[in-house]
Protein backbone atom coordinates (compact mmCIF):
# COMPACT_ATOMS: atom_id res chain seq x y z
CA UNK A 1 -0.01 27.43 -0.64
CA UNK A 2 -2.76 30.53 -0.12
CA UNK A 3 -4.81 29.20 -2.62
CA UNK A 4 -5.18 25.82 -0.72
CA UNK A 5 -5.90 27.45 2.87
CA UNK A 6 -8.75 29.43 0.43
CA UNK A 7 -9.77 26.36 -0.43
CA UNK A 8 -9.70 24.97 3.43
CA UNK A 9 -12.91 22.70 3.63
CA UNK A 10 -15.11 24.95 1.11
CA UNK A 11 -14.91 22.23 -1.39
CA UNK A 12 -18.15 20.12 -2.06
CA UNK A 13 -17.48 18.90 -5.41
CA UNK A 14 -14.62 17.31 -6.72
CA UNK A 15 -14.23 16.39 -10.76
CA UNK A 16 -12.91 12.33 -10.82
CA UNK A 17 -10.40 11.78 -13.30
CA UNK A 18 -9.26 7.97 -14.97
CA UNK A 19 -6.28 7.73 -17.10
CA UNK A 20 -9.60 6.79 -19.40
CA UNK A 21 -11.29 10.34 -19.03
CA UNK A 22 -13.70 12.21 -17.10
CA UNK A 23 -15.29 9.68 -14.80
CA UNK A 24 -17.75 11.80 -13.26
CA UNK A 25 -18.65 14.02 -10.01
CA UNK A 26 -17.96 13.29 -6.50
CA UNK A 27 -20.35 16.13 -4.32
CA UNK A 28 -20.44 16.43 -0.35
CA UNK A 29 -24.37 17.57 -0.08
CA UNK A 30 -26.21 15.70 3.68
CA UNK A 31 -24.28 13.41 2.70
CA UNK A 32 -21.65 11.79 -0.05
CA UNK A 33 -23.27 11.31 -3.85
CA UNK A 34 -21.11 10.02 -6.69
CA UNK A 35 -22.58 10.68 -10.32
CA UNK A 36 -21.05 8.69 -13.24
CA UNK A 37 -21.53 11.42 -16.53
CA UNK A 38 -23.76 9.91 -19.12
CA UNK A 39 -20.97 9.00 -21.65
CA UNK A 40 -18.69 7.76 -19.18
CA UNK A 41 -17.88 3.92 -20.48
CA UNK A 42 -16.66 0.86 -19.23
CA UNK A 43 -13.40 1.50 -18.86
CA UNK A 44 -13.75 4.69 -16.70
CA UNK A 45 -15.29 2.82 -14.11
CA UNK A 46 -14.03 4.65 -10.84
CA UNK A 47 -13.92 0.92 -8.89
CA UNK A 48 -14.62 -3.12 -9.16
CA UNK A 49 -17.82 -2.21 -7.09
CA UNK A 50 -19.42 0.82 -8.05
CA UNK A 51 -19.66 -0.39 -12.31
CA UNK A 52 -21.12 2.11 -13.91
CA UNK A 53 -24.67 3.48 -13.82
CA UNK A 54 -26.94 6.19 -13.95
CA UNK A 55 -28.63 6.15 -10.76
CA UNK A 56 -25.96 7.91 -8.13
CA UNK A 57 -24.56 6.50 -5.34
CA UNK A 58 -25.02 7.31 -2.05
CA UNK A 59 -23.51 7.00 1.22
CA UNK A 60 -23.00 8.51 4.65
CA UNK A 61 -18.88 7.47 4.51
CA UNK A 62 -16.77 9.04 2.11
CA UNK A 63 -17.06 5.53 -0.31
CA UNK A 64 -14.84 3.02 0.35
CA UNK A 65 -12.28 3.70 -3.06
CA UNK A 66 -12.15 7.55 -2.59
CA UNK A 67 -11.63 7.27 1.21
CA UNK A 68 -8.87 4.07 -0.13
CA UNK A 69 -6.80 7.43 -1.01
CA UNK A 70 -7.43 9.92 1.78
CA UNK A 71 -4.29 10.44 3.16
CA UNK A 72 -4.51 8.54 6.82
CA UNK A 73 -2.25 7.40 9.64
CA UNK A 74 1.58 9.48 10.08
CA UNK A 75 0.55 12.64 6.57
CA UNK A 76 -3.18 12.73 8.35
CA UNK A 77 -1.68 13.35 11.58
CA UNK A 78 1.27 15.66 9.98
CA UNK A 79 -1.78 17.46 7.69
CA UNK A 80 -3.52 17.97 10.67
CA UNK A 81 -1.29 19.59 13.09
CA UNK A 82 0.27 21.65 9.47
CA UNK A 83 -3.70 23.46 9.41
CA UNK A 84 -4.61 23.16 12.92
CA UNK A 85 -5.04 26.88 13.06
CA UNK A 86 -8.21 26.41 10.52
CA UNK A 87 -9.48 23.44 12.19
CA UNK A 88 -9.52 19.59 10.88
CA UNK A 89 -9.59 19.42 7.26
CA UNK A 90 -12.98 17.94 5.20
CA UNK A 91 -12.35 14.58 3.56
CA UNK A 92 -13.10 16.92 0.40
CA UNK A 93 -10.28 18.98 0.45
CA UNK A 94 -8.00 16.35 1.76
CA UNK A 95 -9.08 14.58 -1.62
CA UNK A 96 -8.01 17.59 -3.34
CA UNK A 97 -4.88 17.63 -1.60
CA UNK A 98 -4.04 13.88 -2.99
CA UNK A 99 -5.25 15.35 -6.61
CA UNK A 100 -3.07 12.46 -8.33
CA UNK A 101 -0.15 12.19 -6.45
CA UNK A 102 -1.77 8.35 -4.97
CA UNK A 103 -1.82 4.43 -4.71
CA UNK A 104 -4.39 4.33 -8.00
CA UNK A 105 -5.93 5.58 -10.97
CA UNK A 106 -7.44 8.35 -9.70
CA UNK A 107 -7.53 11.70 -9.65
CA UNK A 108 -9.32 14.44 -7.74
CA UNK A 109 -9.95 18.04 -9.35
CA UNK A 110 -11.49 21.09 -8.70
CA UNK A 111 -13.27 22.41 -11.41
CA UNK A 112 -10.49 20.17 -13.49
CA UNK A 113 -7.42 21.43 -12.14
CA UNK A 114 -5.68 19.25 -10.16
CA UNK A 115 -3.34 20.36 -7.54
CA UNK A 116 0.28 21.55 -8.27
CA UNK A 117 2.95 18.81 -7.39
CA UNK A 118 6.05 19.16 -6.67
CA UNK A 119 9.61 19.33 -8.51
CA UNK A 120 10.80 16.14 -7.08
CA UNK A 121 14.74 14.55 -5.95
CA UNK A 122 17.36 12.64 -7.00
CA UNK A 123 17.11 8.95 -6.17
CA UNK A 124 20.35 8.79 -5.08
CA UNK A 125 20.17 11.66 -3.02
CA UNK A 126 17.11 10.16 -1.07
CA UNK A 127 19.55 6.90 -0.81
CA UNK A 128 22.82 8.66 0.18
CA UNK A 129 21.84 11.59 2.25
CA UNK A 130 21.95 11.51 5.75
CA UNK A 131 18.58 10.82 7.06
CA UNK A 132 18.83 12.65 10.00
CA UNK A 133 17.27 16.14 8.46
CA UNK A 134 16.36 14.48 5.14
CA UNK A 135 13.07 12.60 6.24
CA UNK A 136 11.83 16.25 7.80
CA UNK A 137 12.85 17.94 4.72
CA UNK A 138 10.38 15.21 2.65
CA UNK A 139 7.67 15.45 4.31
CA UNK A 140 7.16 18.97 4.90
CA UNK A 141 7.59 19.11 1.10
CA UNK A 142 5.44 16.19 0.07
CA UNK A 143 3.06 16.27 2.75
CA UNK A 144 0.35 17.87 2.03
CA UNK A 145 0.55 15.86 -1.74
CA UNK A 146 0.52 12.46 -0.33
CA UNK A 147 -2.40 10.30 -0.74
CA UNK A 148 -0.59 7.65 1.07
CA UNK A 149 -2.29 5.80 4.13
CA UNK A 150 -0.11 3.86 7.06
CA UNK A 151 1.12 4.08 10.72
CA UNK A 152 4.83 4.46 9.69
CA UNK A 153 6.16 7.27 8.43
CA UNK A 154 6.23 7.68 4.50
CA UNK A 155 5.54 10.22 1.87
CA UNK A 156 5.05 9.65 -2.06
CA UNK A 157 8.06 11.60 -3.53
CA UNK A 158 8.31 12.47 -6.77
CA UNK A 159 11.92 12.15 -8.83
CA UNK A 160 13.45 14.16 -11.07
CA UNK A 161 13.85 13.39 -14.87
CA UNK A 162 16.96 12.11 -15.71
CA UNK A 163 18.17 10.81 -12.73
CA UNK A 164 17.19 7.20 -12.80
CA UNK A 165 16.65 6.65 -16.96
CA UNK A 166 17.78 2.82 -16.12
CA UNK A 167 14.59 2.37 -14.05
CA UNK A 168 10.77 3.65 -14.91
CA UNK A 169 10.78 5.78 -12.01
CA UNK A 170 8.89 9.00 -11.56
CA UNK A 171 7.12 9.14 -8.46
CA UNK A 172 8.86 6.39 -5.09
CA UNK A 173 7.33 5.89 -1.89
CA UNK A 174 9.86 6.61 0.96
CA UNK A 175 9.63 5.11 4.80
CA UNK A 176 11.20 6.03 7.72
CA UNK A 177 12.43 4.69 11.28
CA UNK A 178 9.62 6.04 13.82
CA UNK A 179 10.98 5.98 17.03
CA UNK A 180 8.12 3.35 18.53
CA UNK A 181 9.59 0.86 15.63
CA UNK A 182 13.31 1.04 16.07
CA UNK A 183 15.35 -0.41 12.82
CA UNK A 184 11.16 -0.74 11.23
CA UNK A 185 13.13 0.14 7.67
CA UNK A 186 16.04 -2.65 8.07
CA UNK A 187 12.97 -4.84 8.71
CA UNK A 188 11.07 -4.32 6.09
CA UNK A 189 14.30 -4.75 3.34
CA UNK A 190 14.90 -7.88 5.25
CA UNK A 191 11.57 -9.18 4.53
CA UNK A 192 11.18 -7.91 1.29
CA UNK A 193 14.73 -9.62 0.38
CA UNK A 194 13.28 -12.49 1.67
CA UNK A 195 9.93 -12.10 -0.87
CA UNK A 196 12.56 -11.73 -3.80
CA UNK A 197 15.16 -14.19 -3.17
CA UNK A 198 12.23 -16.78 -2.97
CA UNK A 199 10.87 -15.54 -6.56
CA UNK A 200 7.79 -13.33 -5.78
CA UNK A 201 6.38 -10.79 -7.42
CA UNK A 202 8.23 -7.55 -5.41
CA UNK A 203 7.99 -4.14 -6.72
CA UNK A 204 11.89 -2.63 -6.51
CA UNK A 205 13.39 -1.62 -3.28
CA UNK A 206 16.08 0.02 -1.38
CA UNK A 207 17.66 0.72 1.75
CA UNK A 208 19.36 3.86 2.56
CA UNK A 209 23.28 4.52 3.25
CA UNK A 210 22.74 4.89 7.05
CA UNK A 211 20.15 1.96 7.04
CA UNK A 212 17.39 4.23 8.16
CA UNK A 213 14.82 4.68 4.96
CA UNK A 214 13.35 1.93 2.84
CA UNK A 215 12.69 3.45 -1.14
CA UNK A 216 10.02 1.54 -2.66
CA UNK A 217 9.07 2.13 -6.48
CA UNK A 218 5.24 2.09 -7.31
CA UNK A 219 3.85 -1.06 -8.18
CA UNK A 220 0.72 1.05 -9.64
CA UNK A 221 2.45 2.59 -12.68
CA UNK A 222 3.56 0.83 -15.55
CA UNK A 223 6.95 1.56 -17.50
CA UNK A 224 5.23 4.65 -19.37
CA UNK A 225 4.18 6.05 -16.46
CA UNK A 226 0.35 5.33 -16.82
CA UNK A 227 -1.68 4.84 -13.29
CA UNK A 228 -3.09 1.05 -12.77
CA UNK A 229 -6.17 0.91 -11.04
CA UNK A 230 -5.32 0.17 -7.34
CA UNK A 231 -8.02 -1.55 -4.57
CA UNK A 232 -7.29 -3.26 -1.24
CA UNK A 233 -9.00 -5.70 0.38
CA UNK A 234 -10.61 -3.19 2.78
CA UNK A 235 -12.83 -1.60 -0.58
CA UNK A 236 -13.33 -4.90 -1.95
CA UNK A 237 -14.38 -7.20 0.97
CA UNK A 238 -17.09 -3.37 2.05
CA UNK A 239 -14.99 -2.46 4.90
CA UNK A 240 -13.59 0.30 6.01
CA UNK A 241 -10.37 1.93 6.67
CA UNK A 242 -11.13 1.44 10.54
CA UNK A 243 -12.67 -2.47 9.95
CA UNK A 244 -9.40 -3.12 8.51
CA UNK A 245 -8.40 -5.80 10.80
CA UNK A 246 -11.95 -7.95 10.57
CA UNK A 247 -12.14 -10.49 8.33
CA UNK A 248 -9.97 -13.59 7.24
CA UNK A 249 -7.26 -14.51 4.82
CA UNK A 250 -10.21 -16.98 3.50
CA UNK A 251 -12.05 -13.98 2.93
CA UNK A 252 -9.20 -12.78 1.08
CA UNK A 253 -9.69 -15.57 -1.20
CA UNK A 254 -12.71 -15.45 -2.04
CA UNK A 255 -12.79 -11.76 -3.40
CA UNK A 256 -9.56 -13.08 -5.38
CA UNK A 257 -11.63 -15.75 -6.66
CA UNK A 258 -14.86 -13.35 -7.68
CA UNK A 259 -12.60 -10.37 -9.11
CA UNK A 260 -10.09 -12.39 -10.63
CA UNK A 261 -12.01 -15.05 -12.65
CA UNK A 262 -10.32 -15.43 -15.26
CA UNK A 263 -6.70 -15.69 -13.93
CA UNK A 264 -7.73 -16.86 -10.62
CA UNK A 265 -6.01 -20.33 -10.14
CA UNK A 266 -2.74 -17.87 -10.67
CA UNK A 267 -3.86 -15.19 -8.33
CA UNK A 268 -5.23 -17.67 -5.83
CA UNK A 269 -1.19 -18.87 -5.78
CA UNK A 270 0.36 -15.38 -5.28
CA UNK A 271 -1.84 -14.81 -2.85
CA UNK A 272 -0.89 -18.05 -0.91
CA UNK A 273 2.87 -16.97 -1.33
CA UNK A 274 1.68 -13.38 0.37
CA UNK A 275 0.01 -15.28 3.19
CA UNK A 276 2.71 -17.57 3.81
CA UNK A 277 4.99 -15.10 3.76
CA UNK A 278 4.22 -12.93 6.49
CA UNK A 279 3.14 -15.79 8.84
CA UNK A 280 6.70 -17.55 8.03
CA UNK A 281 8.27 -13.77 8.73
CA UNK A 282 6.41 -13.48 12.27
CA UNK A 283 4.48 -10.53 10.15
CA UNK A 284 1.11 -9.73 11.63
CA UNK A 285 0.02 -6.17 10.39
CA UNK A 286 -0.63 -8.34 7.33
CA UNK A 287 -4.48 -7.20 7.01
CA UNK A 288 -7.02 -5.85 4.55
CA UNK A 289 -5.45 -2.64 3.65
CA UNK A 290 -2.16 -4.81 2.58
CA UNK A 291 -3.66 -7.11 -0.32
CA UNK A 292 -5.11 -5.39 -3.03
CA UNK A 293 -6.05 -6.00 -6.80
CA UNK A 294 -5.08 -4.18 -9.80
CA UNK A 295 -5.46 -3.17 -13.59
CA UNK A 296 -5.35 -1.10 -15.97
CA UNK A 297 -9.47 -0.27 -15.98
CA UNK A 298 -11.75 -2.63 -14.33
CA UNK A 299 -13.04 -3.73 -17.55
CA UNK A 300 -9.63 -5.66 -18.37
CA UNK A 301 -8.48 -8.51 -16.51
CA UNK A 302 -6.96 -7.58 -12.83
CA UNK A 303 -4.44 -8.79 -10.67
CA UNK A 304 -3.43 -9.60 -7.17
CA UNK A 305 -0.31 -6.06 -6.30
CA UNK A 306 2.92 -7.19 -5.68
CA UNK A 307 4.11 -7.44 -1.71
CA UNK A 308 4.39 -4.70 -0.37
CA UNK A 309 4.50 -3.47 3.14
CA UNK A 310 6.10 -6.62 4.98
CA UNK A 311 7.62 -6.11 8.65
CA UNK A 312 8.58 -8.97 11.35
CA UNK A 313 6.26 -7.87 13.53
CA UNK A 314 7.12 -10.61 16.11
CA UNK A 315 10.15 -8.32 17.69
CA UNK A 316 8.04 -5.42 18.92
CA UNK A 317 7.09 -6.51 22.25
CA UNK A 318 4.08 -3.37 22.58
CA UNK A 319 2.18 -5.64 19.96
CA UNK A 320 -0.23 -8.66 20.94
CA UNK A 321 1.95 -11.08 18.65
CA UNK A 322 -0.78 -12.22 16.78
CA UNK A 323 -2.18 -12.58 12.92
CA UNK A 324 -3.65 -9.28 11.34
CA UNK A 325 -6.74 -11.52 10.25
CA UNK A 326 -8.04 -14.88 11.00
CA UNK A 327 -6.42 -18.10 9.75
CA UNK A 328 -8.02 -21.98 10.40
CA UNK A 329 -10.68 -18.93 12.71
CA UNK A 330 -8.39 -17.66 14.61
CA UNK A 331 -5.74 -15.37 14.32
CA UNK A 332 -2.76 -17.40 16.16
CA UNK A 333 0.52 -18.00 14.17
CA UNK A 334 -0.26 -21.41 12.36
CA UNK A 335 1.62 -24.34 12.05
CA UNK A 336 3.40 -25.84 8.49
CA UNK A 337 0.14 -28.01 8.56
CA UNK A 338 -2.28 -25.02 8.57
CA UNK A 339 -0.77 -23.51 6.46
CA UNK A 340 -0.58 -25.95 3.73
CA UNK A 341 -4.46 -26.73 4.61
CA UNK A 342 -5.23 -23.32 4.09
CA UNK A 343 -2.88 -23.56 0.51
CA UNK A 344 -5.61 -26.86 0.04
CA UNK A 345 -8.51 -24.76 0.52
CA UNK A 346 -7.17 -22.32 -2.52
CA UNK A 347 -7.40 -25.05 -5.02
CA UNK A 348 -3.22 -25.93 -4.52
CA UNK A 349 -1.24 -29.02 -5.41
CA UNK A 350 0.17 -30.41 -1.53
CA UNK A 351 3.23 -30.62 -3.29
CA UNK A 352 2.61 -27.02 -5.11
CA UNK A 353 2.07 -25.35 -1.30
CA UNK A 354 5.40 -27.12 0.29
CA UNK A 355 7.64 -25.66 -2.42
CA UNK A 356 6.33 -22.13 -1.68
CA UNK A 357 7.24 -22.95 2.53
CA UNK A 358 10.60 -24.51 1.29
CA UNK A 359 11.61 -21.44 -0.38
CA UNK A 360 10.72 -19.27 1.92
CA UNK A 361 12.77 -20.65 4.63
CA UNK A 362 15.95 -21.49 2.20
CA UNK A 363 15.21 -17.30 1.49
CA UNK A 364 14.85 -16.28 4.62
CA UNK A 365 18.72 -18.02 5.70
CA UNK A 366 20.40 -16.71 2.27
CA UNK A 367 19.10 -13.38 3.08
CA UNK A 368 20.30 -13.45 6.21
CA UNK A 369 23.79 -15.07 5.50
CA UNK A 370 23.97 -11.68 2.91
CA UNK A 371 23.04 -8.94 5.44
CA UNK A 372 25.27 -10.43 8.19
CA UNK A 373 27.64 -8.71 5.90
CA UNK A 374 26.09 -5.41 5.46
CA UNK A 375 27.51 -2.71 7.72
CA UNK A 376 23.81 -1.33 8.11
CA UNK A 377 22.82 -4.61 10.15
CA UNK A 378 25.89 -4.73 13.10
CA UNK A 379 25.45 -1.80 14.88
CA UNK A 380 22.89 -3.31 17.11
CA UNK A 381 20.88 -7.19 17.52
CA UNK A 382 18.36 -6.34 15.04
CA UNK A 383 19.37 -9.45 12.52
CA UNK A 384 19.13 -11.43 15.99
CA UNK A 385 16.03 -10.68 17.32
CA UNK A 386 14.58 -11.13 13.90
CA UNK A 387 15.89 -14.51 13.01
CA UNK A 388 14.84 -15.39 17.19
CA UNK A 389 11.36 -14.85 16.15
CA UNK A 390 11.01 -16.61 12.97
CA UNK A 391 12.31 -19.39 14.22
CA UNK A 392 10.00 -19.87 17.12
CA UNK A 393 7.01 -19.81 14.94
């Protein structure tokens, strides 16, 4: 900790490292400057929108692909509170803190040295320990090295070796229930269960025994632990984090078509599944940062990331009850026919789009029937409120 404090807001240059080798240097001068190393090959590109070139990239704000790795939301608040005696942390300091502990394949190093990683936890401990003090302990231990965004309390937590031998896990995302959105961990568990039941691509996920923590495996890692590249749709459409609610689901479809040209038909169907799931489940927070592409390196084939961050937001009266982005030129939740029309615009056959919607409806009923027997859903009316919200759409 002392070493970190000595570096507070003193960092002006960071080495940007990929699994394929060092890519270049990010510097903070009067503005941000990124330069590729002269020897950097195409597989070391840091982003699909920052291809290899000898000319410098300049920006008054941190470039989107790097800003994506900067802690935001709840974690940004925690970090700022912990370091408030020193002042507001700079973007360069926050990136160094994240090091290699964020979503995607980029690592941030100071003169080749990446910030140290904490030891780790047992998956059983995360799922079976009372969440009352556990999440506070996790935040205290891992907040400074979690490069992840979102208003929901969450952290990237490394796992101890040999505690999860049946799964290729080194790190998990742990989300907690906050005071503003009661039942959100169980809410997301239900929604992800619907996606899984419908046969959609979803990471492994678990709900703690007391129902207060959602644990999800990282979708940006291969079975051998190799980091995959990930870029969200804010980055790929040239939006900042503050603009994540600007745009439309048709705009996302255009980006998917451009960046997955070799397999766009498959990826556009997966996009339709993701958008339809949010629309059918009353999820009004499916913004640009909740969609993204994965790849081994930018020169290889890209695909849509698995489904993540799906919650029935329509049960929370403090929210506006609208979609996060426009669909058919407005943010009202769409009718069945409007969703079919969206699927047709994406190139799906009508029967395929119909089948996707039917699978979601059937999966929702199956999951609700299953979870009504789960003790974690018996103590309040969460299930009833979610079912009412979904059936009213």
